[in-house]
């Protein structure tokens, strides 16, 4: 079972280039916005995901999705563990928690201020 990681610990770990961050959200969300340095996880294509992460089975990998209700990060973490990765963690609070804390994002909507914008207001502006 993957251990959890909270926002503060994740922020500190992102300074380490050896820590890998995997966005397990549904297709389209990674391109739209993701945590800095994250790579796109593809549960439907585990080989592509593994190619992004490399073959160091001891590397620390943090998986996240939108929030605690999103199960994609759990599925991705279990898949990684099943493939032999030994240091997988879940940022269960997810991108929603990151945005609510006003922390930076990357992607096609990275010019938005996450402290004042939520997903619903972004979606309404895109129409």
Protein backbone atom coordinates (compact mmCIF):
# COMPACT_ATOMS: atom_id res chain seq x y z
CA UNK A 1 0.00 0.00 0.00
CA UNK A 2 1.52 3.35 -1.00
CA UNK A 3 2.33 5.77 1.77
CA UNK A 4 0.71 9.19 1.66
CA UNK A 5 2.45 12.53 1.40
CA UNK A 6 1.04 15.93 2.32
CA UNK A 7 1.39 19.25 0.50
CA UNK A 8 4.20 20.66 2.63
CA UNK A 9 6.32 17.54 2.33
CA UNK A 10 5.67 17.37 -1.41
CA UNK A 11 6.69 21.01 -1.86
CA UNK A 12 9.97 20.30 -0.11
CA UNK A 13 10.59 17.17 -2.16
CA UNK A 14 10.02 18.92 -5.48
CA UNK A 15 13.38 20.65 -5.02
CA UNK A 16 14.99 17.22 -5.44
CA UNK A 17 15.35 16.37 -9.15
CA UNK A 18 15.39 12.66 -8.28
CA UNK A 19 11.76 12.74 -7.07
CA UNK A 20 9.36 11.92 -9.87
CA UNK A 21 5.83 13.33 -9.92
CA UNK A 22 3.07 11.53 -11.81
CA UNK A 23 -0.26 13.14 -12.73
CA UNK A 24 -2.87 10.38 -12.88
CA UNK A 25 -5.84 12.52 -13.92
CA UNK A 26 -8.07 11.74 -16.88
CA UNK A 27 -6.80 12.62 -20.36
CA UNK A 28 -6.83 16.34 -21.07
CA UNK A 29 -6.37 17.52 -17.50
CA UNK A 30 -2.59 17.07 -17.53
CA UNK A 31 -2.28 19.32 -20.59
CA UNK A 32 -4.61 21.85 -19.08
CA UNK A 33 -2.86 22.11 -15.72
CA UNK A 34 -0.50 20.00 -13.66
CA UNK A 35 1.88 20.36 -10.77
CA UNK A 36 5.34 21.66 -11.73
CA UNK A 37 7.57 18.97 -13.14
CA UNK A 38 4.86 16.31 -13.31
CA UNK A 39 4.69 13.80 -16.12
CA UNK A 40 1.45 12.43 -17.47
CA UNK A 41 0.46 9.04 -16.16
CA UNK A 42 -1.49 6.82 -18.48
CA UNK A 43 -3.26 4.03 -16.67
CA UNK A 44 -4.48 2.79 -20.06
CA UNK A 45 -0.87 2.56 -21.28
CA UNK A 46 1.36 1.43 -18.41
CA UNK A 47 4.38 0.96 -20.69
CA UNK A 48 4.28 4.64 -21.70
CA UNK A 49 4.03 5.65 -18.05
CA UNK A 50 6.95 3.43 -17.10
CA UNK A 51 9.02 4.89 -19.95
CA UNK A 52 8.39 8.38 -18.53
CA UNK A 53 9.48 7.32 -15.04
CA UNK A 54 12.57 5.33 -15.91
CA UNK A 55 13.76 2.00 -14.64
CA UNK A 56 15.08 2.93 -11.18
CA UNK A 57 12.75 0.83 -9.04
CA UNK A 58 13.99 2.59 -5.88
CA UNK A 59 13.22 6.10 -7.17
CA UNK A 60 10.71 8.08 -5.14
CA UNK A 61 7.54 8.54 -7.17
CA UNK A 62 4.64 10.69 -6.01
CA UNK A 63 1.29 10.10 -7.72
CA UNK A 64 -1.66 12.49 -7.56
CA UNK A 65 -4.99 13.24 -9.21
CA UNK A 66 -7.69 15.87 -8.58
CA UNK A 67 -8.59 15.22 -4.91
CA UNK A 68 -9.17 12.53 -2.29
CA UNK A 69 -12.33 11.34 -4.09
CA UNK A 70 -10.37 10.65 -7.29
CA UNK A 71 -9.20 7.04 -7.37
CA UNK A 72 -6.86 7.35 -10.37
CA UNK A 73 -3.82 8.01 -8.19
CA UNK A 74 -4.56 4.90 -6.16
CA UNK A 75 -4.84 2.80 -9.33
CA UNK A 76 -1.63 4.27 -10.74
CA UNK A 77 0.24 3.72 -7.47
CA UNK A 78 -0.88 0.10 -7.31
CA UNK A 79 0.14 -0.41 -10.93
CA UNK A 80 3.61 1.00 -10.20
CA UNK A 81 4.02 -1.17 -7.13
CA UNK A 82 2.88 -4.16 -9.16
CA UNK A 83 5.65 -3.38 -11.67
CA UNK A 84 8.24 -3.44 -8.90
CA UNK A 85 8.59 0.22 -7.87
CA UNK A 86 9.35 0.24 -4.15
CA UNK A 87 9.05 3.90 -3.16
CA UNK A 88 5.62 5.04 -4.39
CA UNK A 89 3.66 7.68 -2.47
CA UNK A 90 0.26 9.29 -2.98
CA UNK A 91 -0.56 12.95 -2.67
CA UNK A 92 -4.14 12.09 -1.82
CA UNK A 93 -5.34 15.69 -1.38
CA UNK A 94 -4.33 16.20 -5.01
CA UNK A 95 -4.27 19.11 -7.35
CA UNK A 96 -7.33 20.69 -5.76
CA UNK A 97 -5.42 21.08 -2.49
CA UNK A 98 -2.40 22.46 -4.37
CA UNK A 99 -4.52 25.06 -6.18
CA UNK A 100 -6.39 26.10 -3.03
CA UNK A 101 -3.03 26.79 -1.41
CA UNK A 102 -2.23 29.19 -4.27
CA UNK A 103 0.73 27.16 -5.47
CA UNK A 104 2.00 27.31 -9.06
CA UNK A 105 0.88 25.03 -11.85
CA UNK A 106 2.06 24.35 -15.37
CA UNK A 107 0.03 23.74 -18.52
CA UNK A 108 -2.22 25.61 -20.88
CA UNK A 109 -3.96 27.45 -18.04
CA UNK A 110 -0.87 28.31 -16.02
CA UNK A 111 -1.52 32.02 -16.42
CA UNK A 112 -4.47 31.76 -14.03
CA UNK A 113 -4.15 32.61 -10.39
CA UNK A 114 -4.95 29.37 -8.58
CA UNK A 115 -5.64 31.21 -5.34
CA UNK A 116 -8.70 32.94 -6.80
CA UNK A 117 -9.84 30.55 -9.54
CA UNK A 118 -11.52 27.22 -9.15
CA UNK A 119 -12.18 24.55 -11.74
CA UNK A 120 -15.81 25.58 -12.22
CA UNK A 121 -15.05 29.23 -12.93
CA UNK A 122 -12.28 28.22 -15.35
CA UNK A 123 -14.65 25.96 -17.22
CA UNK A 124 -17.30 28.68 -17.53
CA UNK A 125 -14.75 31.12 -18.96
CA UNK A 126 -13.66 28.59 -21.58
CA UNK A 127 -17.15 28.47 -23.13
